[in-house]
PDB file of N, CA and C in Angstrom:
ATOM      1  N   MET A   1       0.843  -1.174   0.000  1.00  0.00           N
ATOM      2  CA  MET A   1       0.000   0.000   0.000  1.00  0.00           C
ATOM      3  C   MET A   1       0.884   1.231   0.000  1.00  0.00           C
ATOM      4  N   SER A   2       0.502   2.224  -0.748  1.00  0.00           N
ATOM      5  CA  SER A   2       1.307   3.425  -0.870  1.00  0.00           C
ATOM      6  C   SER A   2       0.475   4.638  -0.489  1.00  0.00           C
ATOM      7  N   VAL A   3       0.999   5.444   0.424  1.00  0.00           N
ATOM      8  CA  VAL A   3       0.340   6.670   0.839  1.00  0.00           C
ATOM      9  C   VAL A   3       1.160   7.813   0.265  1.00  0.00           C
ATOM     10  N   GLY A   4       0.608   8.518  -0.714  1.00  0.00           N
ATOM     11  CA  GLY A   4       1.378   9.570  -1.374  1.00  0.00           C
ATOM     12  C   GLY A   4       2.572   8.944  -2.064  1.00  0.00           C
ATOM     13  N   MET A   5       3.753   9.338  -1.688  1.00  0.00           N
ATOM     14  CA  MET A   5       4.983   8.801  -2.257  1.00  0.00           C
ATOM     15  C   MET A   5       5.646   7.798  -1.318  1.00  0.00           C
ATOM     16  N   ILE A   6       5.016   7.500  -0.169  1.00  0.00           N
ATOM     17  CA  ILE A   6       5.614   6.631   0.828  1.00  0.00           C
ATOM     18  C   ILE A   6       5.026   5.235   0.701  1.00  0.00           C
ATOM     19  N   ASP A   7       5.888   4.238   0.587  1.00  0.00           N
ATOM     20  CA  ASP A   7       5.472   2.846   0.510  1.00  0.00           C
ATOM     21  C   ASP A   7       5.393   2.295   1.934  1.00  0.00           C
ATOM     22  N   THR A   8       4.163   2.156   2.467  1.00  0.00           N
ATOM     23  CA  THR A   8       3.992   1.716   3.840  1.00  0.00           C
ATOM     24  C   THR A   8       4.425   0.274   4.039  1.00  0.00           C
ATOM     25  N   GLY A   9       4.421  -0.522   2.993  1.00  0.00           N
ATOM     26  CA  GLY A   9       4.875  -1.911   3.110  1.00  0.00           C
ATOM     27  C   GLY A   9       6.343  -1.984   3.495  1.00  0.00           C
ATOM     28  N   ARG A  10       7.156  -1.121   2.916  1.00  0.00           N
ATOM     29  CA  ARG A  10       8.591  -1.097   3.253  1.00  0.00           C
ATOM     30  C   ARG A  10       8.812  -0.596   4.674  1.00  0.00           C
ATOM     31  N   ILE A  11       8.011   0.367   5.095  1.00  0.00           N
ATOM     32  CA  ILE A  11       8.133   0.880   6.459  1.00  0.00           C
ATOM     33  C   ILE A  11       7.780  -0.216   7.451  1.00  0.00           C
ATOM     34  N   GLU A  12       6.704  -0.940   7.183  1.00  0.00           N
ATOM     35  CA  GLU A  12       6.303  -2.033   8.065  1.00  0.00           C
ATOM     36  C   GLU A  12       7.371  -3.123   8.089  1.00  0.00           C
ATOM     37  N   ALA A  13       7.991  -3.393   6.950  1.00  0.00           N
ATOM     38  CA  ALA A  13       9.059  -4.397   6.903  1.00  0.00           C
ATOM     39  C   ALA A  13      10.256  -3.932   7.726  1.00  0.00           C
ATOM     40  N   MET A  14      10.584  -2.644   7.655  1.00  0.00           N
ATOM     41  CA  MET A  14      11.710  -2.114   8.423  1.00  0.00           C
ATOM     42  C   MET A  14      11.408  -2.182   9.920  1.00  0.00           C
ATOM     43  N   VAL A  15      10.184  -1.862  10.328  1.00  0.00           N
ATOM     44  CA  VAL A  15       9.803  -1.942  11.730  1.00  0.00           C
ATOM     45  C   VAL A  15       9.895  -3.395  12.204  1.00  0.00           C
ATOM     46  N   ALA A  16       9.483  -4.332  11.373  1.00  0.00           N
ATOM     47  CA  ALA A  16       9.588  -5.749  11.729  1.00  0.00           C
ATOM     48  C   ALA A  16      11.049  -6.160  11.892  1.00  0.00           C
ATOM     49  N   GLN A  17      11.924  -5.659  11.024  1.00  0.00           N
ATOM     50  CA  GLN A  17      13.352  -5.958  11.140  1.00  0.00           C
ATOM     51  C   GLN A  17      13.926  -5.398  12.439  1.00  0.00           C
ATOM     52  N   LEU A  18      13.534  -4.188  12.792  1.00  0.00           N
ATOM     53  CA  LEU A  18      14.022  -3.583  14.031  1.00  0.00           C
ATOM     54  C   LEU A  18      13.547  -4.367  15.252  1.00  0.00           C
ATOM     55  N   LYS A  19      12.294  -4.807  15.229  1.00  0.00           N
ATOM     56  CA  LYS A  19      11.776  -5.609  16.341  1.00  0.00           C
ATOM     57  C   LYS A  19      12.504  -6.941  16.435  1.00  0.00           C
ATOM     58  N   ALA A  20      12.790  -7.553  15.294  1.00  0.00           N
ATOM     59  CA  ALA A  20      13.517  -8.821  15.294  1.00  0.00           C
ATOM     60  C   ALA A  20      14.934  -8.639  15.821  1.00  0.00           C
ATOM     61  N   ALA A  21      15.581  -7.543  15.450  1.00  0.00           N
ATOM     62  CA  ALA A  21      16.935  -7.267  15.942  1.00  0.00           C
ATOM     63  C   ALA A  21      16.922  -7.046  17.453  1.00  0.00           C
ATOM     64  N   ALA A  22      15.907  -6.360  17.946  1.00  0.00           N
ATOM     65  CA  ALA A  22      15.802  -6.140  19.387  1.00  0.00           C
ATOM     66  C   ALA A  22      15.558  -7.456  20.119  1.00  0.00           C
ATOM     67  N   ALA A  23      14.754  -8.332  19.526  1.00  0.00           N
ATOM     68  CA  ALA A  23      14.487  -9.633  20.147  1.00  0.00           C
ATOM     69  C   ALA A  23      15.745 -10.493  20.168  1.00  0.00           C
ATOM     70  N   ARG A  24      16.558 -10.419  19.095  1.00  0.00           N
ATOM     71  CA  ARG A  24      17.810 -11.189  19.069  1.00  0.00           C
ATOM     72  C   ARG A  24      18.798 -10.657  20.091  1.00  0.00           C
ATOM     73  N   ALA A  25      18.788  -9.358  20.317  1.00  0.00           N
ATOM     74  CA  ALA A  25      19.747  -8.745  21.233  1.00  0.00           C
ATOM     75  C   ALA A  25      19.436  -9.065  22.687  1.00  0.00           C
ATOM     76  N   THR A  26      18.161  -9.282  23.011  1.00  0.00           N
ATOM     77  CA  THR A  26      17.779  -9.583  24.391  1.00  0.00           C
ATOM     78  C   THR A  26      17.043 -10.912  24.433  1.00  0.00           C
ATOM     79  N   PRO A  27      17.703 -11.964  24.900  1.00  0.00           N
ATOM     80  CA  PRO A  27      17.021 -13.253  25.030  1.00  0.00           C
ATOM     81  C   PRO A  27      15.834 -13.137  25.976  1.00  0.00           C
ATOM     82  N   ALA A  28      14.876 -14.037  25.822  1.00  0.00           N
ATOM     83  CA  ALA A  28      13.633 -13.989  26.589  1.00  0.00           C
ATOM     84  C   ALA A  28      13.911 -13.966  28.088  1.00  0.00           C
ATOM     85  N   GLY A  29      13.293 -13.021  28.776  1.00  0.00           N
ATOM     86  CA  GLY A  29      13.403 -12.952  30.222  1.00  0.00           C
ATOM     87  C   GLY A  29      14.661 -12.273  30.731  1.00  0.00           C
ATOM     88  N   GLU A  30      15.526 -11.816  29.859  1.00  0.00           N
ATOM     89  CA  GLU A  30      16.772 -11.189  30.288  1.00  0.00           C
ATOM     90  C   GLU A  30      16.760  -9.708  29.957  1.00  0.00           C
ATOM     91  N   SER A  31      17.372  -8.954  30.807  1.00  0.00           N
ATOM     92  CA  SER A  31      17.610  -7.541  30.536  1.00  0.00           C
ATOM     93  C   SER A  31      18.760  -7.452  29.550  1.00  0.00           C
ATOM     94  N   PRO A  32      18.771  -6.473  28.634  1.00  0.00           N
ATOM     95  CA  PRO A  32      19.872  -6.378  27.684  1.00  0.00           C
ATOM     96  C   PRO A  32      21.216  -6.122  28.358  1.00  0.00           C
ATOM     97  N   LEU A  33      21.221  -5.595  29.572  1.00  0.00           N
ATOM     98  CA  LEU A  33      22.470  -5.315  30.252  1.00  0.00           C
ATOM     99  C   LEU A  33      22.890  -6.425  31.206  1.00  0.00           C
ATOM    100  N   GLN A  34      22.053  -7.414  31.425  1.00  0.00           N
ATOM    101  CA  GLN A  34      22.355  -8.468  32.375  1.00  0.00           C
ATOM    102  C   GLN A  34      23.057  -9.614  31.675  1.00  0.00           C
ATOM    103  N   THR A  35      24.284  -9.916  32.096  1.00  0.00           N
ATOM    104  CA  THR A  35      25.017 -11.004  31.466  1.00  0.00           C
ATOM    105  C   THR A  35      25.374 -12.093  32.461  1.00  0.00           C
ATOM    106  N   ASP A  36      25.466 -11.784  33.738  1.00  0.00           N
ATOM    107  CA  ASP A  36      25.786 -12.763  34.756  1.00  0.00           C
ATOM    108  C   ASP A  36      24.529 -13.021  35.580  1.00  0.00           C
ATOM    109  N   LYS A  37      23.834 -14.128  35.320  1.00  0.00           N
ATOM    110  CA  LYS A  37      22.551 -14.393  35.967  1.00  0.00           C
ATOM    111  C   LYS A  37      22.711 -14.658  37.462  1.00  0.00           C
ATOM    112  N   THR A  38      23.769 -15.340  37.850  1.00  0.00           N
ATOM    113  CA  THR A  38      23.911 -15.715  39.259  1.00  0.00           C
ATOM    114  C   THR A  38      24.181 -14.507  40.140  1.00  0.00           C
ATOM    115  N   ALA A  39      25.035 -13.620  39.719  1.00  0.00           N
ATOM    116  CA  ALA A  39      25.379 -12.466  40.538  1.00  0.00           C
ATOM    117  C   ALA A  39      24.495 -11.267  40.211  1.00  0.00           C
ATOM    118  N   ASN A  40      23.728 -11.347  39.123  1.00  0.00           N
ATOM    119  CA  ASN A  40      22.844 -10.259  38.703  1.00  0.00           C
ATOM    120  C   ASN A  40      23.628  -8.956  38.535  1.00  0.00           C
ATOM    121  N   GLN A  41      24.815  -9.069  37.908  1.00  0.00           N
ATOM    122  CA  GLN A  41      25.671  -7.919  37.697  1.00  0.00           C
ATOM    123  C   GLN A  41      25.711  -7.567  36.218  1.00  0.00           C
ATOM    124  N   VAL A  42      26.030  -6.315  35.968  1.00  0.00           N
ATOM    125  CA  VAL A  42      26.148  -5.838  34.595  1.00  0.00           C
ATOM    126  C   VAL A  42      27.617  -5.890  34.198  1.00  0.00           C
ATOM    127  N   ASN A  43      27.902  -6.539  33.083  1.00  0.00           N
ATOM    128  CA  ASN A  43      29.261  -6.581  32.556  1.00  0.00           C
ATOM    129  C   ASN A  43      29.353  -5.495  31.493  1.00  0.00           C
ATOM    130  N   PHE A  44      29.794  -4.317  31.901  1.00  0.00           N
ATOM    131  CA  PHE A  44      29.812  -3.142  31.032  1.00  0.00           C
ATOM    132  C   PHE A  44      30.674  -3.372  29.798  1.00  0.00           C
ATOM    133  N   GLN A  45      31.787  -4.025  29.984  1.00  0.00           N
ATOM    134  CA  GLN A  45      32.714  -4.246  28.866  1.00  0.00           C
ATOM    135  C   GLN A  45      32.053  -5.056  27.761  1.00  0.00           C
ATOM    136  N   SER A  46      31.357  -6.115  28.114  1.00  0.00           N
ATOM    137  CA  SER A  46      30.737  -6.950  27.080  1.00  0.00           C
ATOM    138  C   SER A  46      29.569  -6.232  26.402  1.00  0.00           C
ATOM    139  N   VAL A  47      28.825  -5.433  27.157  1.00  0.00           N
ATOM    140  CA  VAL A  47      27.717  -4.674  26.575  1.00  0.00           C
ATOM    141  C   VAL A  47      28.251  -3.636  25.595  1.00  0.00           C
ATOM    142  N   LEU A  48      29.315  -2.940  25.992  1.00  0.00           N
ATOM    143  CA  LEU A  48      29.908  -1.929  25.131  1.00  0.00           C
ATOM    144  C   LEU A  48      30.485  -2.555  23.867  1.00  0.00           C
ATOM    145  N   LYS A  49      31.200  -3.674  24.019  1.00  0.00           N
ATOM    146  CA  LYS A  49      31.782  -4.347  22.856  1.00  0.00           C
ATOM    147  C   LYS A  49      30.697  -4.849  21.920  1.00  0.00           C
ATOM    148  N   SER A  50      29.630  -5.395  22.478  1.00  0.00           N
ATOM    149  CA  SER A  50      28.524  -5.885  21.663  1.00  0.00           C
ATOM    150  C   SER A  50      27.877  -4.761  20.862  1.00  0.00           C
ATOM    151  N   SER A  51      27.663  -3.622  21.505  1.00  0.00           N
ATOM    152  CA  SER A  51      27.029  -2.511  20.787  1.00  0.00           C
ATOM    153  C   SER A  51      27.957  -1.955  19.716  1.00  0.00           C
ATOM    154  N   LEU A  52      29.255  -1.887  19.997  1.00  0.00           N
ATOM    155  CA  LEU A  52      30.203  -1.423  18.979  1.00  0.00           C
ATOM    156  C   LEU A  52      30.277  -2.401  17.806  1.00  0.00           C
ATOM    157  N   ASP A  53      30.218  -3.688  18.100  1.00  0.00           N
ATOM    158  CA  ASP A  53      30.215  -4.694  17.034  1.00  0.00           C
ATOM    159  C   ASP A  53      28.971  -4.564  16.153  1.00  0.00           C
ATOM    160  N   GLN A  54      27.825  -4.275  16.771  1.00  0.00           N
ATOM    161  CA  GLN A  54      26.593  -4.108  16.010  1.00  0.00           C
ATOM    162  C   GLN A  54      26.679  -2.891  15.091  1.00  0.00           C
ATOM    163  N   VAL A  55      27.250  -1.802  15.590  1.00  0.00           N
ATOM    164  CA  VAL A  55      27.407  -0.599  14.765  1.00  0.00           C
ATOM    165  C   VAL A  55      28.358  -0.892  13.608  1.00  0.00           C
ATOM    166  N   ASN A  56      29.454  -1.584  13.904  1.00  0.00           N
ATOM    167  CA  ASN A  56      30.420  -1.942  12.862  1.00  0.00           C
ATOM    168  C   ASN A  56      29.780  -2.814  11.794  1.00  0.00           C
ATOM    169  N   THR A  57      29.007  -3.790  12.213  1.00  0.00           N
ATOM    170  CA  THR A  57      28.327  -4.680  11.268  1.00  0.00           C
ATOM    171  C   THR A  57      27.346  -3.900  10.400  1.00  0.00           C
ATOM    172  N   ALA A  58      26.603  -2.993  11.004  1.00  0.00           N
ATOM    173  CA  ALA A  58      25.643  -2.174  10.246  1.00  0.00           C
ATOM    174  C   ALA A  58      26.366  -1.324   9.209  1.00  0.00           C
ATOM    175  N   GLN A  59      27.506  -0.764   9.582  1.00  0.00           N
ATOM    176  CA  GLN A  59      28.256   0.063   8.638  1.00  0.00           C
ATOM    177  C   GLN A  59      28.827  -0.774   7.494  1.00  0.00           C
ATOM    178  N   GLN A  60      29.320  -1.966   7.807  1.00  0.00           N
ATOM    179  CA  GLN A  60      29.863  -2.836   6.766  1.00  0.00           C
ATOM    180  C   GLN A  60      28.772  -3.289   5.798  1.00  0.00           C
ATOM    181  N   GLN A  61      27.619  -3.665   6.333  1.00  0.00           N
ATOM    182  CA  GLN A  61      26.510  -4.088   5.474  1.00  0.00           C
ATOM    183  C   GLN A  61      26.038  -2.937   4.597  1.00  0.00           C
ATOM    184  N   SER A  62      25.985  -1.746   5.159  1.00  0.00           N
ATOM    185  CA  SER A  62      25.580  -0.566   4.402  1.00  0.00           C
ATOM    186  C   SER A  62      26.548  -0.302   3.262  1.00  0.00           C
ATOM    187  N   GLN A  63      27.825  -0.408   3.546  1.00  0.00           N
ATOM    188  CA  GLN A  63      28.839  -0.173   2.514  1.00  0.00           C
ATOM    189  C   GLN A  63      28.737  -1.217   1.406  1.00  0.00           C
ATOM    190  N   GLN A  64      28.536  -2.476   1.782  1.00  0.00           N
ATOM    191  CA  GLN A  64      28.405  -3.534   0.786  1.00  0.00           C
ATOM    192  C   GLN A  64      27.172  -3.320  -0.089  1.00  0.00           C
ATOM    193  N   LEU A  65      26.072  -2.913   0.524  1.00  0.00           N
ATOM    194  CA  LEU A  65      24.843  -2.665  -0.230  1.00  0.00           C
ATOM    195  C   LEU A  65      25.038  -1.505  -1.200  1.00  0.00           C
ATOM    196  N   ALA A  66      25.699  -0.448  -0.742  1.00  0.00           N
ATOM    197  CA  ALA A  66      25.952   0.710  -1.609  1.00  0.00           C
ATOM    198  C   ALA A  66      26.870   0.316  -2.771  1.00  0.00           C
ATOM    199  N   GLU A  67      27.871  -0.495  -2.498  1.00  0.00           N
ATOM    200  CA  GLU A  67      28.776  -0.937  -3.565  1.00  0.00           C
ATOM    201  C   GLU A  67      28.038  -1.799  -4.583  1.00  0.00           C
ATOM    202  N   ARG A  68      27.170  -2.695  -4.078  1.00  0.00           N
ATOM    203  CA  ARG A  68      26.399  -3.535  -4.998  1.00  0.00           C
ATOM    204  C   ARG A  68      25.494  -2.690  -5.877  1.00  0.00           C
ATOM    205  N   PHE A  69      24.862  -1.660  -5.291  1.00  0.00           N
ATOM    206  CA  PHE A  69      24.000  -0.780  -6.077  1.00  0.00           C
ATOM    207  C   PHE A  69      24.816  -0.027  -7.118  1.00  0.00           C
ATOM    208  N   ALA A  70      25.989   0.472  -6.708  1.00  0.00           N
ATOM    209  CA  ALA A  70      26.842   1.226  -7.627  1.00  0.00           C
ATOM    210  C   ALA A  70      27.352   0.355  -8.777  1.00  0.00           C
ATOM    211  N   MET A  71      27.526  -0.935  -8.520  1.00  0.00           N
ATOM    212  CA  MET A  71      28.007  -1.856  -9.556  1.00  0.00           C
ATOM    213  C   MET A  71      26.882  -2.288 -10.498  1.00  0.00           C
ATOM    214  N   GLY A  72      25.635  -1.912 -10.181  1.00  0.00           N
ATOM    215  CA  GLY A  72      24.520  -2.209 -11.068  1.00  0.00           C
ATOM    216  C   GLY A  72      23.764  -3.474 -10.717  1.00  0.00           C
ATOM    217  N   ASP A  73      23.915  -3.964  -9.494  1.00  0.00           N
ATOM    218  CA  ASP A  73      23.181  -5.160  -9.063  1.00  0.00           C
ATOM    219  C   ASP A  73      21.684  -4.842  -9.053  1.00  0.00           C
ATOM    220  N   SER A  74      20.925  -5.563  -9.856  1.00  0.00           N
ATOM    221  CA  SER A  74      19.491  -5.274  -9.986  1.00  0.00           C
ATOM    222  C   SER A  74      18.686  -5.720  -8.764  1.00  0.00           C
ATOM    223  N   SER A  75      19.279  -6.545  -7.887  1.00  0.00           N
ATOM    224  CA  SER A  75      18.547  -6.986  -6.696  1.00  0.00           C
ATOM    225  C   SER A  75      18.603  -5.948  -5.571  1.00  0.00           C
ATOM    226  N   VAL A  76      19.392  -4.888  -5.747  1.00  0.00           N
ATOM    227  CA  VAL A  76      19.516  -3.847  -4.724  1.00  0.00           C
ATOM    228  C   VAL A  76      18.912  -2.559  -5.268  1.00  0.00           C
ATOM    229  N   SER A  77      17.907  -2.049  -4.568  1.00  0.00           N
ATOM    230  CA  SER A  77      17.290  -0.797  -5.003  1.00  0.00           C
ATOM    231  C   SER A  77      17.965   0.383  -4.311  1.00  0.00           C
ATOM    232  N   LEU A  78      17.786   1.538  -4.879  1.00  0.00           N
ATOM    233  CA  LEU A  78      18.362   2.755  -4.308  1.00  0.00           C
ATOM    234  C   LEU A  78      17.805   3.005  -2.911  1.00  0.00           C
ATOM    235  N   SER A  79      16.510   2.775  -2.740  1.00  0.00           N
ATOM    236  CA  SER A  79      15.907   3.027  -1.427  1.00  0.00           C
ATOM    237  C   SER A  79      16.481   2.091  -0.369  1.00  0.00           C
ATOM    238  N   ASP A  80      16.729   0.827  -0.722  1.00  0.00           N
ATOM    239  CA  ASP A  80      17.326  -0.109   0.237  1.00  0.00           C
ATOM    240  C   ASP A  80      18.726   0.348   0.638  1.00  0.00           C
ATOM    241  N   ALA A  81      19.508   0.781  -0.338  1.00  0.00           N
ATOM    242  CA  ALA A  81      20.862   1.248  -0.055  1.00  0.00           C
ATOM    243  C   ALA A  81      20.834   2.503   0.812  1.00  0.00           C
ATOM    244  N   MET A  82      19.960   3.431   0.503  1.00  0.00           N
ATOM    245  CA  MET A  82      19.885   4.679   1.265  1.00  0.00           C
ATOM    246  C   MET A  82      19.379   4.434   2.690  1.00  0.00           C
ATOM    247  N   ILE A  83      18.387   3.568   2.846  1.00  0.00           N
ATOM    248  CA  ILE A  83      17.870   3.262   4.184  1.00  0.00           C
ATOM    249  C   ILE A  83      18.961   2.598   5.018  1.00  0.00           C
ATOM    250  N   SER A  84      19.690   1.689   4.420  1.00  0.00           N
ATOM    251  CA  SER A  84      20.774   1.023   5.129  1.00  0.00           C
ATOM    252  C   SER A  84      21.852   2.019   5.549  1.00  0.00           C
ATOM    253  N   MET A  85      22.177   2.956   4.664  1.00  0.00           N
ATOM    254  CA  MET A  85      23.179   3.961   4.999  1.00  0.00           C
ATOM    255  C   MET A  85      22.690   4.872   6.122  1.00  0.00           C
ATOM    256  N   GLN A  86      21.409   5.218   6.113  1.00  0.00           N
ATOM    257  CA  GLN A  86      20.866   6.066   7.173  1.00  0.00           C
ATOM    258  C   GLN A  86      20.843   5.331   8.513  1.00  0.00           C
ATOM    259  N   LYS A  87      20.497   4.034   8.491  1.00  0.00           N
ATOM    260  CA  LYS A  87      20.510   3.243   9.718  1.00  0.00           C
ATOM    261  C   LYS A  87      21.902   3.208  10.324  1.00  0.00           C
ATOM    262  N   SER A  88      22.901   2.972   9.491  1.00  0.00           N
ATOM    263  CA  SER A  88      24.263   2.894  10.017  1.00  0.00           C
ATOM    264  C   SER A  88      24.738   4.269  10.490  1.00  0.00           C
ATOM    265  N   SER A  89      24.325   5.323   9.816  1.00  0.00           N
ATOM    266  CA  SER A  89      24.691   6.676  10.235  1.00  0.00           C
ATOM    267  C   SER A  89      24.079   7.013  11.591  1.00  0.00           C
ATOM    268  N   ILE A  90      22.827   6.659  11.782  1.00  0.00           N
ATOM    269  CA  ILE A  90      22.152   6.924  13.059  1.00  0.00           C
ATOM    270  C   ILE A  90      22.795   6.104  14.168  1.00  0.00           C
ATOM    271  N   ALA A  91      23.126   4.861  13.888  1.00  0.00           N
ATOM    272  CA  ALA A  91      23.776   4.015  14.889  1.00  0.00           C
ATOM    273  C   ALA A  91      25.131   4.597  15.289  1.00  0.00           C
ATOM    274  N   PHE A  92      25.882   5.106  14.304  1.00  0.00           N
ATOM    275  CA  PHE A  92      27.179   5.706  14.601  1.00  0.00           C
ATOM    276  C   PHE A  92      27.015   6.987  15.418  1.00  0.00           C
ATOM    277  N   GLN A  93      26.049   7.811  15.050  1.00  0.00           N
ATOM    278  CA  GLN A  93      25.799   9.046  15.804  1.00  0.00           C
ATOM    279  C   GLN A  93      25.410   8.731  17.243  1.00  0.00           C
ATOM    280  N   GLN A  94      24.615   7.699  17.430  1.00  0.00           N
ATOM    281  CA  GLN A  94      24.217   7.283  18.771  1.00  0.00           C
ATOM    282  C   GLN A  94      25.445   6.852  19.566  1.00  0.00           C
ATOM    283  N   THR A  95      26.337   6.113  18.937  1.00  0.00           N
ATOM    284  CA  THR A  95      27.560   5.656  19.606  1.00  0.00           C
ATOM    285  C   THR A  95      28.426   6.846  20.010  1.00  0.00           C
ATOM    286  N   VAL A  96      28.544   7.819  19.140  1.00  0.00           N
ATOM    287  CA  VAL A  96      29.343   9.011  19.454  1.00  0.00           C
ATOM    288  C   VAL A  96      28.720   9.765  20.625  1.00  0.00           C
ATOM    289  N   GLN A  97      27.398   9.873  20.655  1.00  0.00           N
ATOM    290  CA  GLN A  97      26.740  10.574  21.752  1.00  0.00           C
ATOM    291  C   GLN A  97      26.918   9.842  23.079  1.00  0.00           C
ATOM    292  N   VAL A  98      26.859   8.512  23.046  1.00  0.00           N
ATOM    293  CA  VAL A  98      27.087   7.725  24.262  1.00  0.00           C
ATOM    294  C   VAL A  98      28.519   7.940  24.742  1.00  0.00           C
ATOM    295  N   ARG A  99      29.454   7.919  23.803  1.00  0.00           N
ATOM    296  CA  ARG A  99      30.853   8.169  24.165  1.00  0.00           C
ATOM    297  C   ARG A  99      31.015   9.548  24.789  1.00  0.00           C
ATOM    298  N   ASN A 100      30.379  10.556  24.202  1.00  0.00           N
ATOM    299  CA  ASN A 100      30.464  11.910  24.744  1.00  0.00           C
ATOM    300  C   ASN A 100      29.913  11.983  26.164  1.00  0.00           C
ATOM    301  N   LYS A 101      28.812  11.299  26.413  1.00  0.00           N
ATOM    302  CA  LYS A 101      28.223  11.282  27.758  1.00  0.00           C
ATOM    303  C   LYS A 101      29.150  10.571  28.741  1.00  0.00           C
ATOM    304  N   LEU A 102      29.779   9.484  28.312  1.00  0.00           N
ATOM    305  CA  LEU A 102      30.706   8.770  29.189  1.00  0.00           C
ATOM    306  C   LEU A 102      31.916   9.626  29.532  1.00  0.00           C
ATOM    307  N   VAL A 103      32.464  10.319  28.557  1.00  0.00           N
ATOM    308  CA  VAL A 103      33.612  11.197  28.796  1.00  0.00           C
ATOM    309  C   VAL A 103      33.212  12.328  29.736  1.00  0.00           C
ATOM    310  N   SER A 104      32.049  12.895  29.512  1.00  0.00           N
ATOM    311  CA  SER A 104      31.562  13.970  30.368  1.00  0.00           C
ATOM    312  C   SER A 104      31.379  13.481  31.808  1.00  0.00           C
ATOM    313  N   ALA A 105      30.797  12.311  31.974  1.00  0.00           N
ATOM    314  CA  ALA A 105      30.604  11.749  33.315  1.00  0.00           C
ATOM    315  C   ALA A 105      31.943  11.471  33.979  1.00  0.00           C
ATOM    316  N   TYR A 106      32.888  10.934  33.219  1.00  0.00           N
ATOM    317  CA  TYR A 106      34.222  10.659  33.753  1.00  0.00           C
ATOM    318  C   TYR A 106      34.890  11.950  34.220  1.00  0.00           C
ATOM    319  N   GLN A 107      34.815  12.995  33.404  1.00  0.00           N
ATOM    320  CA  GLN A 107      35.435  14.269  33.769  1.00  0.00           C
ATOM    321  C   GLN A 107      34.777  14.865  35.013  1.00  0.00           C
ATOM    322  N   GLU A 108      33.467  14.734  35.107  1.00  0.00           N
ATOM    323  CA  GLU A 108      32.760  15.253  36.275  1.00  0.00           C
ATOM    324  C   GLU A 108      33.169  14.505  37.538  1.00  0.00           C
ATOM    325  N   ILE A 109      33.307  13.198  37.440  1.00  0.00           N
ATOM    326  CA  ILE A 109      33.732  12.398  38.586  1.00  0.00           C
ATOM    327  C   ILE A 109      35.150  12.763  39.005  1.00  0.00           C
ATOM    328  N   MET A 110      36.032  12.958  38.012  1.00  0.00           N
ATOM    329  CA  MET A 110      37.434  13.286  38.326  1.00  0.00           C
ATOM    330  C   MET A 110      37.558  14.669  38.949  1.00  0.00           C
ATOM    331  N   ASN A 111      36.629  15.562  38.671  1.00  0.00           N
ATOM    332  CA  ASN A 111      36.685  16.911  39.236  1.00  0.00           C
ATOM    333  C   ASN A 111      36.018  17.023  40.607  1.00  0.00           C
ATOM    334  N   MET A 112      35.423  15.941  41.083  1.00  0.00           N
ATOM    335  CA  MET A 112      34.780  15.965  42.391  1.00  0.00           C
ATOM    336  C   MET A 112      35.835  16.026  43.496  1.00  0.00           C
ATOM    337  N   GLY A 113      35.515  16.768  44.532  1.00  0.00           N
ATOM    338  CA  GLY A 113      36.396  16.811  45.694  1.00  0.00           C
ATOM    339  C   GLY A 113      36.106  15.634  46.609  1.00  0.00           C
ATOM    340  N   VAL A 114      37.144  15.130  47.229  1.00  0.00           N
ATOM    341  CA  VAL A 114      36.966  13.983  48.127  1.00  0.00           C
ATOM    342  C   VAL A 114      36.800  14.430  49.537  1.00  0.00           C
TER     343      VAL A 114
END
């Protein structure tokens, strides 16, 4: 179904993909930050590495899709390539903002008087 120039079928497919990715990232009954069930502790290093790996994977897939489109692969549409590039760009921007908040928090803690 198309509303104006927007294909709602593609939007619904993208929302389904995002929901599936969120479900894969958090197994049933677990918090996304909980990795040690017995101690109920958050392993920050593994969460950070996992999120960075996801951003890296998104960027690599986006680049591959753009290259395939540029080479004339008929199975890749311009909209798919552009959506993939925007997803990876947003993921990277989110990562940079998280990093900025962490640096800011670290600096604030270091400036505290004891």
